[in-house]
């Protein structure tokens, strides 16, 4: 299998996006010749690719599997409770944490009003 030419893939995505090259190189903080040299680089670094993707609103993870976060590749294991009592106890615990947080927030607001 032939290795992808990263620069060409990026250039094609920019062309399809409709973003003008002049706008792109300014937002990247590089010159026009530097941008064109980057398009010629078959091993363009992924940080640059991500920056271009952010500007043109394109996720290059489909073209480059190296950009997929490791957590996205791991299977998601659902959280399970053994019984209804376990569920009730977890909910009560979360509620108590929430009530404590609300109380601290209200105390903070009250102390700011006093100041």
Protein backbone atom coordinates (compact mmCIF):
# COMPACT_ATOMS: atom_id res chain seq x y z
CA UNK A 1 0.00 0.00 0.00
CA UNK A 2 1.38 3.40 -1.01
CA UNK A 3 1.92 5.95 1.69
CA UNK A 4 -0.30 9.05 1.52
CA UNK A 5 1.29 12.32 0.48
CA UNK A 6 0.14 14.44 3.41
CA UNK A 7 0.77 17.77 1.72
CA UNK A 8 -1.35 16.84 -1.30
CA UNK A 9 -4.18 15.60 0.91
CA UNK A 10 -4.15 18.89 2.84
CA UNK A 11 -4.04 20.98 -0.34
CA UNK A 12 -7.02 19.10 -1.80
CA UNK A 13 -9.01 19.57 1.41
CA UNK A 14 -8.24 23.30 1.41
CA UNK A 15 -9.37 23.58 -2.21
CA UNK A 16 -12.62 21.74 -1.44
CA UNK A 17 -13.25 23.89 1.64
CA UNK A 18 -13.40 27.11 -0.34
CA UNK A 19 -11.01 28.85 2.07
CA UNK A 20 -8.65 31.07 0.11
CA UNK A 21 -4.95 30.30 0.34
CA UNK A 22 -4.26 33.96 1.21
CA UNK A 23 -6.58 33.71 4.21
CA UNK A 24 -5.05 30.39 5.24
CA UNK A 25 -1.41 31.46 5.21
CA UNK A 26 -2.24 34.64 7.13
CA UNK A 27 -4.12 32.72 9.81
CA UNK A 28 -1.26 30.24 10.04
CA UNK A 29 1.23 33.11 10.36
CA UNK A 30 3.37 31.93 7.45
CA UNK A 31 4.16 33.27 3.98
CA UNK A 32 2.52 32.12 0.75
CA UNK A 33 5.72 30.39 -0.48
CA UNK A 34 6.02 28.57 2.85
CA UNK A 35 2.42 27.36 2.52
CA UNK A 36 3.11 26.01 -0.98
CA UNK A 37 6.28 24.29 0.27
CA UNK A 38 4.23 22.65 3.01
CA UNK A 39 1.83 21.31 0.38
CA UNK A 40 4.83 19.69 -1.34
CA UNK A 41 5.91 17.90 1.87
CA UNK A 42 4.84 14.24 1.79
CA UNK A 43 5.55 13.90 5.53
CA UNK A 44 3.87 17.05 6.81
CA UNK A 45 3.71 17.05 10.60
CA UNK A 46 0.38 16.37 12.26
CA UNK A 47 0.42 19.54 14.37
CA UNK A 48 0.37 21.60 11.17
CA UNK A 49 -2.34 19.38 9.72
CA UNK A 50 -4.50 19.89 12.83
CA UNK A 51 -4.02 23.67 12.64
CA UNK A 52 -5.09 23.71 8.99
CA UNK A 53 -8.08 21.52 9.86
CA UNK A 54 -9.15 23.95 12.58
CA UNK A 55 -9.01 26.86 10.13
CA UNK A 56 -10.89 25.17 7.31
CA UNK A 57 -13.26 23.31 9.68
CA UNK A 58 -12.12 19.88 8.51
CA UNK A 59 -11.33 16.86 10.68
CA UNK A 60 -8.37 15.09 9.09
CA UNK A 61 -8.78 12.04 11.34
CA UNK A 62 -10.57 10.27 8.48
CA UNK A 63 -7.60 10.73 6.16
CA UNK A 64 -4.94 10.18 8.84
CA UNK A 65 -5.69 7.54 11.46
CA UNK A 66 -2.77 8.91 13.51
CA UNK A 67 -4.98 11.88 14.43
CA UNK A 68 -7.67 9.75 16.07
CA UNK A 69 -7.37 10.07 19.87
CA UNK A 70 -6.32 6.84 21.58
CA UNK A 71 -9.40 7.00 23.82
CA UNK A 72 -11.63 6.94 20.76
CA UNK A 73 -10.15 3.59 19.77
CA UNK A 74 -10.77 1.97 23.14
CA UNK A 75 -14.12 0.24 23.65
CA UNK A 76 -16.55 1.99 25.95
CA UNK A 77 -17.57 -0.16 28.87
CA UNK A 78 -21.01 0.76 30.20
CA UNK A 79 -21.32 1.51 33.88
CA UNK A 80 -23.54 -1.06 35.55
CA UNK A 81 -25.14 -1.22 38.96
CA UNK A 82 -25.92 -4.53 40.59
CA UNK A 83 -29.22 -3.55 42.17
CA UNK A 84 -31.81 -0.85 42.57
CA UNK A 85 -30.38 -0.03 46.01
CA UNK A 86 -26.95 0.55 44.43
CA UNK A 87 -28.56 2.95 41.97
CA UNK A 88 -30.41 4.79 44.75
CA UNK A 89 -27.22 5.08 46.83
CA UNK A 90 -25.22 6.44 43.87
CA UNK A 91 -27.92 9.00 43.09
CA UNK A 92 -28.08 10.12 46.72
CA UNK A 93 -24.30 10.47 46.78
CA UNK A 94 -24.29 12.59 43.62
CA UNK A 95 -27.16 14.69 44.99
CA UNK A 96 -25.26 15.33 48.23
CA UNK A 97 -22.21 16.44 46.22
CA UNK A 98 -24.43 18.77 44.19
CA UNK A 99 -26.14 20.18 47.30
CA UNK A 100 -22.74 20.82 48.90
CA UNK A 101 -21.53 22.60 45.78
CA UNK A 102 -24.67 24.79 45.66
CA UNK A 103 -24.23 25.67 49.34
CA UNK A 104 -20.59 26.69 48.80
CA UNK A 105 -21.62 28.77 45.78
CA UNK A 106 -24.34 30.53 47.77
CA UNK A 107 -21.87 31.21 50.60
CA UNK A 108 -19.44 32.70 48.10
CA UNK A 109 -22.14 34.96 46.67
CA UNK A 110 -23.17 36.06 50.15
CA UNK A 111 -19.58 36.91 51.10
CA UNK A 112 -19.17 38.97 47.90
CA UNK A 113 -22.36 40.91 48.64
CA UNK A 114 -21.05 41.73 52.12
CA UNK A 115 -17.78 43.06 50.75
